[in-house]
Amino acid sequence: MKASKLAYKPVGLALGAGAGMVAGSLFKQVWKLVGHEGDAPNATDEERRWGEILIAAAVQGAIFALVKAAVERSGAVAVRRLSGTWPA
């Protein structure tokens, strides 16, 4: 395993955790913006309709994937700029 890849592992884990927190916060804001009061529904929320639960899950998944990809890509670019090699 390359040294740059090994050195990037803890950085990648920290970035991933931060990305998860950012994505969760962003999703809550987006959910409020689209006119839904309170928290997004859980899959087992008996009071919510199927459509609302599935839409919330799709929006949440899209936001998490977007933020994760942006953070991981930015981290890899930063490592390349600092070390001269791509971490993956």
Protein backbone atom coordinates (compact mmCIF):
# COMPACT_ATOMS: atom_id res chain seq x y z
CA MET A 1 0.00 0.00 0.00
CA LYS A 2 1.31 3.43 -0.90
CA ALA A 3 2.37 5.69 1.96
CA SER A 4 0.11 8.48 0.69
CA LYS A 5 -2.89 6.14 0.66
CA LEU A 6 -2.11 4.94 4.18
CA ALA A 7 -1.62 8.50 5.43
CA TYR A 8 -4.90 9.55 3.84
CA LYS A 9 -6.97 6.90 5.69
CA PRO A 10 -7.39 8.83 8.98
CA VAL A 11 -7.91 12.07 7.07
CA GLY A 12 -10.57 10.41 4.93
CA LEU A 13 -12.34 9.04 8.00
CA ALA A 14 -12.40 12.45 9.67
CA LEU A 15 -13.63 14.09 6.48
CA GLY A 16 -16.34 11.45 6.15
CA ALA A 17 -17.59 12.06 9.69
CA GLY A 18 -17.64 15.80 9.09
CA ALA A 19 -19.43 15.32 5.79
CA GLY A 20 -22.10 13.25 7.52
CA MET A 21 -22.76 16.01 10.04
CA VAL A 22 -22.90 18.67 7.33
CA ALA A 23 -25.20 16.55 5.17
CA GLY A 24 -27.55 15.87 8.09
CA SER A 25 -27.79 19.56 8.90
CA LEU A 26 -28.29 20.47 5.25
CA PHE A 27 -31.05 17.88 4.88
CA LYS A 28 -32.92 19.28 7.89
CA GLN A 29 -32.79 22.76 6.36
CA VAL A 30 -33.94 21.51 2.94
CA TRP A 31 -36.80 19.55 4.53
CA LYS A 32 -37.99 22.70 6.32
CA LEU A 33 -37.65 24.77 3.12
CA VAL A 34 -39.93 22.50 1.12
CA GLY A 35 -42.72 23.27 3.57
CA HIS A 36 -42.67 20.29 5.89
CA GLU A 37 -42.90 21.17 9.53
CA GLY A 38 -40.73 19.35 12.02
CA ASP A 39 -38.41 16.49 11.36
CA ALA A 40 -38.40 14.24 8.34
CA PRO A 41 -40.41 11.06 8.77
CA ASN A 42 -38.90 7.78 9.87
CA ALA A 43 -39.72 4.66 7.90
CA THR A 44 -41.70 3.33 10.86
CA ASP A 45 -43.68 6.53 11.49
CA GLU A 46 -47.26 5.29 11.44
CA GLU A 47 -48.73 8.76 11.00
CA ARG A 48 -46.90 9.50 7.74
CA ARG A 49 -47.84 8.41 4.22
CA TRP A 50 -45.68 6.16 2.06
CA GLY A 51 -45.01 8.93 -0.46
CA GLU A 52 -43.73 11.35 2.15
CA ILE A 53 -41.44 8.73 3.70
CA LEU A 54 -40.00 7.67 0.34
CA ILE A 55 -39.48 11.24 -0.85
CA ALA A 56 -37.71 12.13 2.39
CA ALA A 57 -35.44 9.09 2.04
CA ALA A 58 -34.60 9.91 -1.58
CA VAL A 59 -33.80 13.56 -0.83
CA GLN A 60 -31.73 12.60 2.20
CA GLY A 61 -29.78 10.00 0.21
CA ALA A 62 -29.09 12.44 -2.61
CA ILE A 63 -27.83 15.12 -0.22
CA PHE A 64 -25.60 12.67 1.65
CA ALA A 65 -24.12 11.30 -1.59
CA LEU A 66 -23.48 14.79 -2.99
CA VAL A 67 -21.81 16.09 0.16
CA LYS A 68 -19.75 12.90 0.59
CA ALA A 69 -18.48 13.01 -3.00
CA ALA A 70 -17.61 16.71 -2.78
CA VAL A 71 -15.73 16.27 0.51
CA GLU A 72 -13.86 13.14 -0.59
CA ARG A 73 -12.86 14.70 -3.90
CA SER A 74 -11.70 17.91 -2.19
CA GLY A 75 -9.66 15.89 0.30
CA ALA A 76 -7.99 13.89 -2.45
CA VAL A 77 -7.15 17.05 -4.40
CA ALA A 78 -5.68 18.63 -1.26
CA VAL A 79 -3.51 15.55 -0.64
CA ARG A 80 -2.26 15.64 -4.22
CA ARG A 81 -1.38 19.32 -3.91
CA LEU A 82 0.50 18.70 -0.65
CA SER A 83 2.23 15.42 -1.49
CA GLY A 84 2.23 15.32 -5.29
CA THR A 85 0.47 11.95 -5.39
CA TRP A 86 -3.15 10.91 -5.59
CA PRO A 87 -4.21 9.14 -2.37
CA ALA A 88 -6.37 6.36 -3.83
